[in-house]
Protein backbone atom coordinates (compact mmCIF):
# COMPACT_ATOMS: atom_id res chain seq x y z
CA MET A 1 69.48 -67.99 170.42
CA PRO A 2 68.91 -71.76 170.52
CA ASN A 3 71.63 -74.08 169.34
CA ILE A 4 71.20 -76.81 166.73
CA ALA A 5 70.78 -79.59 169.31
CA ILE A 6 67.81 -77.83 170.94
CA VAL A 7 66.14 -77.14 167.59
CA THR A 8 66.71 -80.77 166.54
CA SER A 9 65.16 -82.03 169.76
CA PHE A 10 62.25 -79.63 169.39
CA LEU A 11 61.54 -80.79 165.83
CA GLY A 12 61.80 -84.41 166.92
CA TRP A 13 59.16 -83.94 169.61
CA CYS A 14 56.97 -81.93 167.24
CA SER A 15 57.18 -84.79 164.76
CA ILE A 16 56.20 -87.38 167.37
CA ILE A 17 53.25 -85.31 168.59
CA ASN A 18 52.01 -84.59 165.06
CA ILE A 19 52.32 -88.23 163.99
CA GLY A 20 50.35 -89.20 167.11
CA ILE A 21 47.60 -86.72 166.26
CA LEU A 22 47.55 -88.00 162.67
CA LEU A 23 47.26 -91.62 163.86
CA ILE A 24 44.48 -90.80 166.33
CA SER A 25 42.59 -88.84 163.67
CA THR A 26 42.96 -91.62 161.12
CA LEU A 27 41.91 -94.35 163.52
CA SER A 28 38.96 -92.26 164.74
CA ILE A 29 37.71 -91.78 161.21
CA ILE A 30 38.16 -95.47 160.36
CA ILE A 31 36.62 -96.88 163.55
CA MET A 32 33.83 -94.35 164.19
CA LYS A 33 33.06 -93.23 160.64
CA GLU A 34 29.26 -93.27 161.02
CA ARG A 35 29.23 -91.42 164.33
CA ILE A 36 31.69 -88.77 163.19
CA THR A 37 29.95 -88.13 159.87
CA ALA A 38 26.57 -87.90 161.60
CA LEU A 39 27.96 -85.42 164.13
CA HIS A 40 29.63 -83.24 161.50
CA ASN A 41 26.54 -83.46 159.32
CA LYS A 42 24.46 -82.05 162.17
CA LEU A 43 27.04 -79.41 163.15
CA PHE A 44 27.98 -78.08 159.73
CA GLY A 45 25.24 -79.28 157.42
CA VAL A 46 27.67 -81.01 155.06
CA LYS A 47 26.40 -84.12 153.26
CA GLN A 48 27.86 -87.38 154.49
CA THR A 49 29.15 -88.26 151.03
CA ASN A 50 31.15 -85.03 150.94
CA LEU A 51 32.49 -85.55 154.44
CA LEU A 52 34.52 -88.63 153.51
CA SER A 53 36.42 -86.73 150.83
CA THR A 54 36.85 -83.82 153.24
CA TYR A 55 38.34 -86.17 155.86
CA PHE A 56 40.71 -87.63 153.27
CA GLN A 57 41.79 -84.13 152.21
CA TYR A 58 42.33 -83.12 155.85
CA LEU A 59 44.47 -86.19 156.55
CA ALA A 60 46.49 -85.69 153.37
CA CYS A 61 47.18 -82.01 154.11
CA TYR A 62 48.05 -82.73 157.74
CA LYS A 63 50.42 -85.51 156.69
CA LEU A 64 52.14 -83.31 154.12
CA ALA A 65 52.48 -80.45 156.60
CA THR A 66 53.97 -82.80 159.19
CA ILE A 67 56.46 -84.20 156.71
CA ILE A 68 57.49 -80.85 155.23
CA LEU A 69 57.54 -78.74 158.39
CA ASN A 70 58.72 -81.27 160.99
CA ILE A 71 60.22 -84.50 159.70
CA VAL A 72 62.34 -83.19 156.81
CA PRO A 73 63.99 -80.41 158.87
CA TYR A 74 64.56 -82.91 161.70
CA ILE A 75 66.31 -85.36 159.37
CA ALA A 76 68.36 -82.57 157.81
CA LEU A 77 69.53 -81.38 161.23
CA LYS A 78 70.30 -84.96 162.33
CA ILE A 79 72.49 -85.35 159.23
CA ILE A 80 74.36 -82.12 160.06
CA VAL A 81 74.84 -82.91 163.74
């Protein structure tokens, strides 16, 4: 059974990785918006106007999941230890 220090370290690295993925996704959507929407329009047949709201929803859900499942438990364990 892992101790608190290992779990804290694990959650810290998970937070860093997830924040990195969130930043890359956000920057990709901002910088290459036309290319990405055209690609997803061809792949999935979703209108480009709907894709922008879908991207925003994806980023919002990913950010919330990262905060709730990684960052908050990490901070709580850092306070305890």
